[in-house]
Amino acid sequence: MQRVESLSPSDLIWIQRLPTDPAKITFQDATRLAHLSRYLNSVENPSDSNLLQSVWMPVKEYHDRRQAVALAHNANLPPANLHLESVHALRDIIRTEMPGISEAAADAEATELMRKAELRRRNHASSLIERVEAIRAGADESEAKRTALVND
């Protein structure tokens, strides 16, 4: 994509007609705002850039917070109950794939595979929680900066 030097008259009218509540802005409108925000040349036309940012930033913060809530929900899912039947089913698969393996060795291998799966699930949940915290911190910082500009 190439840089846009300034907002067109139709862009300005469209921006004026957007709802003031970020929650009421459609996904398509948010996508268009993001695109304009990314490609508008703020050096050539700072007033257009300021107008666009004043609309885009609250929308971005709203969607970042929604993403954080969704990620937090996924990260806080209860641990999978790995029942004995799961280990037995996995043991049977291992014995089918490796016909010469003893039942004790297949049990040990199945238990180890289940332990590794649970560890990966926990690590994934931890990384989701870290992403949630980063998104929330970024949204809070952005909102604080915007509020400070409005109050000055």
Protein backbone atom coordinates (compact mmCIF):
# COMPACT_ATOMS: atom_id res chain seq x y z
CA MET A 1 0.00 0.00 0.00
CA GLN A 2 1.13 3.52 -0.62
CA ARG A 3 0.92 6.49 1.68
CA VAL A 4 -2.14 8.73 1.55
CA GLU A 5 -1.27 12.43 1.57
CA SER A 6 -4.55 13.65 3.07
CA LEU A 7 -8.07 12.50 3.82
CA SER A 8 -10.46 12.89 0.92
CA PRO A 9 -13.71 14.84 1.36
CA SER A 10 -15.60 11.54 1.36
CA ASP A 11 -13.27 10.21 4.10
CA LEU A 12 -13.95 13.30 6.21
CA ILE A 13 -17.73 12.94 5.79
CA TRP A 14 -17.50 9.22 6.59
CA ILE A 15 -15.48 9.90 9.75
CA GLN A 16 -18.02 12.52 10.87
CA ARG A 17 -20.85 10.02 10.48
CA LEU A 18 -19.19 7.30 12.56
CA PRO A 19 -20.75 6.61 15.98
CA THR A 20 -18.93 8.24 18.88
CA ASP A 21 -19.18 5.03 20.92
CA PRO A 22 -16.28 2.74 19.85
CA ALA A 23 -18.43 -0.33 20.61
CA LYS A 24 -20.88 0.70 17.89
CA ILE A 25 -18.28 0.95 15.13
CA THR A 26 -18.48 -2.02 12.80
CA PHE A 27 -15.56 -4.30 12.04
CA GLN A 28 -15.43 -2.97 8.46
CA ASP A 29 -15.29 0.63 9.68
CA ALA A 30 -12.62 -0.25 12.26
CA THR A 31 -10.59 -1.93 9.52
CA ARG A 32 -10.88 1.14 7.30
CA LEU A 33 -9.86 3.41 10.20
CA ALA A 34 -6.83 1.21 10.88
CA HIS A 35 -5.87 1.28 7.20
CA LEU A 36 -6.17 5.07 6.99
CA SER A 37 -4.28 5.49 10.25
CA ARG A 38 -1.45 3.34 9.00
CA TYR A 39 -1.07 4.93 5.57
CA LEU A 40 -1.96 8.58 6.17
CA ASN A 41 1.08 10.83 5.86
CA SER A 42 0.96 12.69 9.19
CA VAL A 43 3.86 14.96 8.22
CA GLU A 44 2.08 16.38 5.18
CA ASN A 45 -1.27 16.86 6.89
CA PRO A 46 -1.11 16.79 10.71
CA SER A 47 -4.69 18.03 11.15
CA ASP A 48 -6.06 15.05 9.20
CA SER A 49 -3.82 12.76 11.20
CA ASN A 50 -5.00 14.23 14.52
CA LEU A 51 -8.65 13.89 13.49
CA LEU A 52 -8.14 10.31 12.40
CA GLN A 53 -6.23 9.38 15.56
CA SER A 54 -8.91 10.94 17.76
CA VAL A 55 -11.41 8.50 16.25
CA TRP A 56 -9.15 5.49 15.70
CA MET A 57 -7.43 5.28 19.10
CA PRO A 58 -10.61 4.75 21.18
CA VAL A 59 -11.73 2.10 18.68
CA LYS A 60 -8.33 0.39 18.85
CA GLU A 61 -8.38 0.47 22.67
CA TYR A 62 -11.89 -0.99 22.71
CA HIS A 63 -10.93 -3.87 20.42
CA ASP A 64 -7.65 -4.46 22.28
CA ARG A 65 -9.59 -4.78 25.54
CA ARG A 66 -12.08 -7.18 23.91
CA GLN A 67 -9.18 -9.27 22.66
CA ALA A 68 -7.66 -9.27 26.14
CA VAL A 69 -10.93 -10.47 27.66
CA ALA A 70 -11.18 -13.29 25.11
CA LEU A 71 -7.57 -14.32 25.69
CA ALA A 72 -8.05 -14.19 29.46
CA HIS A 73 -11.08 -16.44 29.15
CA ASN A 74 -9.11 -18.96 27.08
CA ALA A 75 -6.15 -18.82 29.46
CA ASN A 76 -8.36 -19.48 32.47
CA LEU A 77 -10.08 -22.56 31.12
CA PRO A 78 -10.05 -25.33 33.70
CA PRO A 79 -7.37 -27.96 33.23
CA ALA A 80 -8.28 -30.86 31.07
CA ASN A 81 -9.20 -33.89 33.12
CA LEU A 82 -6.90 -36.54 31.79
CA HIS A 83 -8.75 -39.61 32.94
CA LEU A 84 -7.26 -43.03 33.26
CA GLU A 85 -9.21 -44.04 30.15
CA SER A 86 -7.18 -41.51 28.13
CA VAL A 87 -3.91 -43.04 29.29
CA HIS A 88 -5.22 -46.54 28.52
CA ALA A 89 -6.37 -45.46 25.04
CA LEU A 90 -2.98 -43.89 24.35
CA ARG A 91 -1.25 -47.01 25.71
CA ASP A 92 -3.28 -49.15 23.29
CA ILE A 93 -2.26 -46.92 20.38
CA ILE A 94 1.39 -47.16 21.42
CA ARG A 95 1.16 -50.95 21.63
CA THR A 96 -0.41 -51.05 18.16
CA GLU A 97 2.34 -48.86 16.73
CA MET A 98 5.10 -50.71 18.60
CA PRO A 99 4.05 -54.38 18.78
CA GLY A 100 7.06 -55.57 20.80
CA ILE A 101 6.68 -53.07 23.67
CA SER A 102 5.69 -54.36 27.10
CA GLU A 103 2.49 -53.20 28.78
CA ALA A 104 4.48 -51.47 31.54
CA ALA A 105 6.66 -49.62 29.01
CA ALA A 106 3.57 -48.62 26.99
CA ASP A 107 1.90 -47.38 30.21
CA ALA A 108 5.00 -45.36 31.10
CA GLU A 109 5.20 -43.88 27.58
CA ALA A 110 1.48 -43.01 27.58
CA THR A 111 1.73 -41.38 31.01
CA GLU A 112 4.77 -39.37 29.89
CA LEU A 113 3.02 -38.21 26.71
CA MET A 114 -0.01 -37.09 28.76
CA ARG A 115 2.30 -35.26 31.20
CA LYS A 116 4.00 -33.44 28.32
CA ALA A 117 0.62 -32.51 26.82
CA GLU A 118 -0.49 -31.03 30.15
CA LEU A 119 2.80 -29.11 30.44
CA ARG A 120 2.32 -27.66 26.92
CA ARG A 121 -1.24 -26.66 27.84
CA ARG A 122 -0.02 -24.88 30.98
CA ASN A 123 2.78 -23.11 29.07
CA HIS A 124 0.26 -21.99 26.45
CA ALA A 125 -2.05 -20.65 29.16
CA SER A 126 0.87 -18.76 30.72
CA SER A 127 1.78 -17.17 27.39
CA LEU A 128 -1.86 -16.16 26.87
CA ILE A 129 -1.92 -14.51 30.29
CA GLU A 130 1.28 -12.61 29.43
CA ARG A 131 -0.30 -11.41 26.16
CA VAL A 132 -3.44 -10.33 28.03
CA GLU A 133 -1.38 -8.31 30.49
CA ALA A 134 0.60 -6.68 27.65
CA ILE A 135 -2.58 -5.78 25.74
CA ARG A 136 -4.24 -4.37 28.83
CA ALA A 137 -1.14 -2.37 29.76
CA GLY A 138 -0.91 -0.98 26.22
CA ALA A 139 -4.59 -0.03 26.17
CA ASP A 140 -4.33 1.57 29.61
CA GLU A 141 -1.24 3.54 28.60
CA SER A 142 -2.83 4.67 25.34
CA GLU A 143 -6.02 5.73 27.11
CA ALA A 144 -4.02 7.63 29.75
CA LYS A 145 -2.08 9.52 27.07
CA ARG A 146 -5.27 10.35 25.17
CA THR A 147 -7.02 11.50 28.36
CA ALA A 148 -4.03 13.66 29.28
CA LEU A 149 -4.16 15.33 25.87
CA VAL A 150 -7.88 16.01 26.22
CA ASN A 151 -7.50 17.43 29.74
CA ASP A 152 -4.60 19.74 28.83
